[in-house]
Amino acid sequence: MSEILKFLPSEAFHKISEGAVFLDIIDEEGYSVVNYDGIETTQVTLLQLLEKLQWLDKAPTYIAGGYDEASGFKAANLLYHQGFLNVGYVAGGVQAWFQEGFPVKYNVNGGCGTGSCDTGSCSTGSCSTDNGEEDFYSGCGGCSCGH
């Protein structure tokens, strides 16, 4: 790819199942009411993504999605302009994902402050999973314990 691609949810799902890295972009406070489900995701804010760019491998395909199309596009645009050539975003965001019949998960309390992480460590900025990739993104925006 030599441009930012706009993927329909079914196209994004197919690419992810083939090994593309999916970034679920959440708001800057670490809140997300609805998230993608049924795929491996890394939840991250745009600021967290910017902070971690220097450690990301540029080889994989990255697909960004968020609550709406704009947040996914912003993340894909950020990656693209930092030299990541294989980037795209989900057209319509999580709303289109759901409308195409793909699963979503709801966080009734709206985010990190729910204390739903069994380790209770969201306030410390890490899920303390001892898994480098999960802890790498740090904070509630990046751990896989339900935030």
C-alpha atoms as a PDB file:
ATOM      1  CA  MET A   1       0.000   0.000   0.000  1.00  0.00           C
ATOM      2  CA  SER A   2       1.213   3.485  -0.704  1.00  0.00           C
ATOM      3  CA  GLU A   3      -1.782   5.369   0.593  1.00  0.00           C
ATOM      4  CA  ILE A   4      -4.158   5.275   3.528  1.00  0.00           C
ATOM      5  CA  LEU A   5      -6.850   2.734   2.750  1.00  0.00           C
ATOM      6  CA  LYS A   6     -10.460   2.874   3.841  1.00  0.00           C
ATOM      7  CA  PHE A   7     -11.720  -0.626   4.667  1.00  0.00           C
ATOM      8  CA  LEU A   8     -15.311  -1.702   4.959  1.00  0.00           C
ATOM      9  CA  PRO A   9     -15.734  -3.680   8.200  1.00  0.00           C
ATOM     10  CA  SER A  10     -15.775  -6.999   6.308  1.00  0.00           C
ATOM     11  CA  GLU A  11     -12.545  -6.063   4.499  1.00  0.00           C
ATOM     12  CA  ALA A  12     -10.924  -4.991   7.766  1.00  0.00           C
ATOM     13  CA  PHE A  13     -11.990  -8.230   9.462  1.00  0.00           C
ATOM     14  CA  HIS A  14     -10.475 -10.242   6.600  1.00  0.00           C
ATOM     15  CA  LYS A  15      -7.172  -8.310   6.770  1.00  0.00           C
ATOM     16  CA  ILE A  16      -7.027  -8.708  10.553  1.00  0.00           C
ATOM     17  CA  SER A  17      -7.635 -12.450  10.247  1.00  0.00           C
ATOM     18  CA  GLU A  18      -4.665 -12.525   7.856  1.00  0.00           C
ATOM     19  CA  GLY A  19      -2.409 -10.893  10.456  1.00  0.00           C
ATOM     20  CA  ALA A  20      -2.961  -7.144  10.254  1.00  0.00           C
ATOM     21  CA  VAL A  21      -2.539  -5.323  13.568  1.00  0.00           C
ATOM     22  CA  PHE A  22      -5.765  -3.705  14.739  1.00  0.00           C
ATOM     23  CA  LEU A  23      -5.642  -0.534  16.805  1.00  0.00           C
ATOM     24  CA  ASP A  24      -8.874   0.374  18.585  1.00  0.00           C
ATOM     25  CA  ILE A  25      -8.616   4.121  19.128  1.00  0.00           C
ATOM     26  CA  ILE A  26     -10.325   5.310  22.304  1.00  0.00           C
ATOM     27  CA  ASP A  27     -10.790   8.852  23.571  1.00  0.00           C
ATOM     28  CA  GLU A  28      -8.045  10.742  25.366  1.00  0.00           C
ATOM     29  CA  GLU A  29      -9.532  10.075  28.804  1.00  0.00           C
ATOM     30  CA  GLY A  30      -9.339   6.326  28.210  1.00  0.00           C
ATOM     31  CA  TYR A  31     -13.084   5.884  27.910  1.00  0.00           C
ATOM     32  CA  SER A  32     -14.868   3.707  25.437  1.00  0.00           C
ATOM     33  CA  VAL A  33     -18.516   2.745  25.717  1.00  0.00           C
ATOM     34  CA  VAL A  34     -18.503   0.364  22.721  1.00  0.00           C
ATOM     35  CA  ASN A  35     -15.515  -1.640  21.546  1.00  0.00           C
ATOM     36  CA  TYR A  36     -14.762  -4.031  18.734  1.00  0.00           C
ATOM     37  CA  ASP A  37     -15.052  -7.679  19.733  1.00  0.00           C
ATOM     38  CA  GLY A  38     -14.187 -11.006  18.169  1.00  0.00           C
ATOM     39  CA  ILE A  39     -10.726  -9.864  17.069  1.00  0.00           C
ATOM     40  CA  GLU A  40      -7.423  -9.205  18.771  1.00  0.00           C
ATOM     41  CA  THR A  41      -7.195  -5.483  19.445  1.00  0.00           C
ATOM     42  CA  THR A  42      -4.880  -3.048  21.083  1.00  0.00           C
ATOM     43  CA  GLN A  43      -6.776  -0.180  22.673  1.00  0.00           C
ATOM     44  CA  VAL A  44      -4.841   3.040  22.635  1.00  0.00           C
ATOM     45  CA  THR A  45      -5.479   6.771  22.594  1.00  0.00           C
ATOM     46  CA  LEU A  46      -4.003   8.882  19.811  1.00  0.00           C
ATOM     47  CA  LEU A  47      -1.545  10.368  22.299  1.00  0.00           C
ATOM     48  CA  GLN A  48      -0.423   6.914  23.451  1.00  0.00           C
ATOM     49  CA  LEU A  49       0.003   5.886  19.817  1.00  0.00           C
ATOM     50  CA  LEU A  50       2.130   8.945  19.130  1.00  0.00           C
ATOM     51  CA  GLU A  51       4.298   8.206  22.171  1.00  0.00           C
ATOM     52  CA  LYS A  52       4.876   4.591  21.069  1.00  0.00           C
ATOM     53  CA  LEU A  53       5.584   5.136  17.360  1.00  0.00           C
ATOM     54  CA  GLN A  54       9.330   4.749  17.692  1.00  0.00           C
ATOM     55  CA  TRP A  55       8.919   1.193  19.034  1.00  0.00           C
ATOM     56  CA  LEU A  56       6.390  -0.039  16.496  1.00  0.00           C
ATOM     57  CA  ASP A  57       7.490  -2.322  13.686  1.00  0.00           C
ATOM     58  CA  LYS A  58       6.739  -0.634  10.356  1.00  0.00           C
ATOM     59  CA  ALA A  59       6.392  -3.908   8.441  1.00  0.00           C
ATOM     60  CA  PRO A  60       2.899  -5.109   9.425  1.00  0.00           C
ATOM     61  CA  THR A  61      -0.325  -3.742   8.077  1.00  0.00           C
ATOM     62  CA  TYR A  62      -2.038  -1.541  10.663  1.00  0.00           C
ATOM     63  CA  ILE A  63      -5.779  -0.974  10.661  1.00  0.00           C
ATOM     64  CA  ALA A  64      -7.234   1.639  12.981  1.00  0.00           C
ATOM     65  CA  GLY A  65     -10.798   1.826  14.138  1.00  0.00           C
ATOM     66  CA  GLY A  66     -12.590   3.911  16.665  1.00  0.00           C
ATOM     67  CA  TYR A  67     -16.046   4.868  17.741  1.00  0.00           C
ATOM     68  CA  ASP A  68     -16.437   6.802  14.519  1.00  0.00           C
ATOM     69  CA  GLU A  69     -14.606   6.892  11.226  1.00  0.00           C
ATOM     70  CA  ALA A  70     -12.710  10.082  12.067  1.00  0.00           C
ATOM     71  CA  SER A  71     -10.746   8.603  14.979  1.00  0.00           C
ATOM     72  CA  GLY A  72      -9.618   5.634  12.888  1.00  0.00           C
ATOM     73  CA  PHE A  73      -8.613   7.930  10.049  1.00  0.00           C
ATOM     74  CA  LYS A  74      -6.631  10.201  12.394  1.00  0.00           C
ATOM     75  CA  ALA A  75      -4.643   7.227  13.701  1.00  0.00           C
ATOM     76  CA  ALA A  76      -4.024   5.856  10.200  1.00  0.00           C
ATOM     77  CA  ASN A  77      -2.983   9.318   9.019  1.00  0.00           C
ATOM     78  CA  LEU A  78      -0.579   9.655  11.964  1.00  0.00           C
ATOM     79  CA  LEU A  79       1.015   6.297  11.167  1.00  0.00           C
ATOM     80  CA  TYR A  80       1.218   7.036   7.457  1.00  0.00           C
ATOM     81  CA  HIS A  81       2.950  10.378   7.960  1.00  0.00           C
ATOM     82  CA  GLN A  82       5.466   8.734  10.271  1.00  0.00           C
ATOM     83  CA  GLY A  83       6.586   6.336   7.544  1.00  0.00           C
ATOM     84  CA  PHE A  84       4.161   3.443   8.026  1.00  0.00           C
ATOM     85  CA  LEU A  85       3.091   2.565   4.494  1.00  0.00           C
ATOM     86  CA  ASN A  86       0.673  -0.285   5.193  1.00  0.00           C
ATOM     87  CA  VAL A  87      -2.133   1.534   6.992  1.00  0.00           C
ATOM     88  CA  GLY A  88      -5.880   1.773   6.789  1.00  0.00           C
ATOM     89  CA  TYR A  89      -8.949   2.503   8.874  1.00  0.00           C
ATOM     90  CA  VAL A  90     -12.442   1.117   9.315  1.00  0.00           C
ATOM     91  CA  ALA A  91     -15.054   2.984   7.307  1.00  0.00           C
ATOM     92  CA  GLY A  92     -17.828   4.013   9.681  1.00  0.00           C
ATOM     93  CA  GLY A  93     -15.995   2.946  12.833  1.00  0.00           C
ATOM     94  CA  VAL A  94     -17.466   0.600  15.406  1.00  0.00           C
ATOM     95  CA  GLN A  95     -20.989   1.640  14.411  1.00  0.00           C
ATOM     96  CA  ALA A  96     -20.530   0.241  10.888  1.00  0.00           C
ATOM     97  CA  TRP A  97     -18.752  -2.794  12.364  1.00  0.00           C
ATOM     98  CA  PHE A  98     -21.871  -3.556  14.413  1.00  0.00           C
ATOM     99  CA  GLN A  99     -24.250  -2.829  11.528  1.00  0.00           C
ATOM    100  CA  GLU A 100     -22.411  -5.379   9.365  1.00  0.00           C
ATOM    101  CA  GLY A 101     -23.077  -7.991  12.039  1.00  0.00           C
ATOM    102  CA  PHE A 102     -19.664  -8.165  13.706  1.00  0.00           C
ATOM    103  CA  PRO A 103     -19.640  -8.428  17.508  1.00  0.00           C
ATOM    104  CA  VAL A 104     -19.093  -5.489  19.816  1.00  0.00           C
ATOM    105  CA  LYS A 105     -18.725  -5.314  23.570  1.00  0.00           C
ATOM    106  CA  TYR A 106     -20.325  -2.706  25.749  1.00  0.00           C
ATOM    107  CA  ASN A 107     -18.741  -1.102  28.772  1.00  0.00           C
ATOM    108  CA  VAL A 108     -21.764   0.108  30.690  1.00  0.00           C
ATOM    109  CA  ASN A 109     -19.748   2.313  33.025  1.00  0.00           C
ATOM    110  CA  GLY A 110     -17.801   3.831  30.163  1.00  0.00           C
ATOM    111  CA  GLY A 111     -14.155   3.090  30.751  1.00  0.00           C
ATOM    112  CA  CYS A 112     -11.187   2.869  32.933  1.00  0.00           C
ATOM    113  CA  GLY A 113     -12.697   4.084  36.155  1.00  0.00           C
ATOM    114  CA  THR A 114     -14.921   1.029  36.381  1.00  0.00           C
ATOM    115  CA  GLY A 115     -12.305  -1.028  38.194  1.00  0.00           C
ATOM    116  CA  SER A 116     -13.192  -4.015  36.029  1.00  0.00           C
ATOM    117  CA  CYS A 117      -9.566  -5.042  35.623  1.00  0.00           C
ATOM    118  CA  ASP A 118      -9.004  -7.930  38.018  1.00  0.00           C
ATOM    119  CA  THR A 119      -5.565  -6.623  38.890  1.00  0.00           C
ATOM    120  CA  GLY A 120      -7.066  -3.295  39.937  1.00  0.00           C
ATOM    121  CA  SER A 121      -3.998  -1.630  38.487  1.00  0.00           C
ATOM    122  CA  CYS A 122      -5.503   0.728  35.948  1.00  0.00           C
ATOM    123  CA  SER A 123      -4.799   3.634  38.219  1.00  0.00           C
ATOM    124  CA  THR A 124      -1.117   2.686  38.155  1.00  0.00           C
ATOM    125  CA  GLY A 125      -0.907   2.944  34.377  1.00  0.00           C
ATOM    126  CA  SER A 126      -0.331  -0.748  33.738  1.00  0.00           C
ATOM    127  CA  CYS A 127      -2.287  -3.949  33.755  1.00  0.00           C
ATOM    128  CA  SER A 128       0.720  -5.729  35.225  1.00  0.00           C
ATOM    129  CA  THR A 129       0.114  -8.723  33.016  1.00  0.00           C
ATOM    130  CA  ASP A 130       3.812  -9.497  32.657  1.00  0.00           C
ATOM    131  CA  ASN A 131       3.070  -9.661  28.949  1.00  0.00           C
ATOM    132  CA  GLY A 132       5.367  -7.185  27.267  1.00  0.00           C
ATOM    133  CA  GLU A 133       3.012  -6.345  24.416  1.00  0.00           C
ATOM    134  CA  GLU A 134       0.036  -5.718  26.701  1.00  0.00           C
ATOM    135  CA  ASP A 135       2.020  -3.737  29.234  1.00  0.00           C
ATOM    136  CA  PHE A 136       3.895  -1.945  26.449  1.00  0.00           C
ATOM    137  CA  TYR A 137       0.960   0.269  25.595  1.00  0.00           C
ATOM    138  CA  SER A 138       0.344   0.910  29.285  1.00  0.00           C
ATOM    139  CA  GLY A 139      -2.677   2.271  31.015  1.00  0.00           C
ATOM    140  CA  CYS A 140      -6.288   1.541  30.550  1.00  0.00           C
ATOM    141  CA  GLY A 141      -6.139   2.485  26.918  1.00  0.00           C
ATOM    142  CA  GLY A 142      -3.817  -0.371  26.145  1.00  0.00           C
ATOM    143  CA  CYS A 143      -4.422  -3.305  28.422  1.00  0.00           C
ATOM    144  CA  SER A 144      -6.442  -6.273  27.383  1.00  0.00           C
ATOM    145  CA  CYS A 145      -8.225  -6.676  30.699  1.00  0.00           C
ATOM    146  CA  GLY A 146     -11.434  -5.142  29.470  1.00  0.00           C
ATOM    147  CA  HIS A 147     -10.555  -1.484  29.012  1.00  0.00           C
END
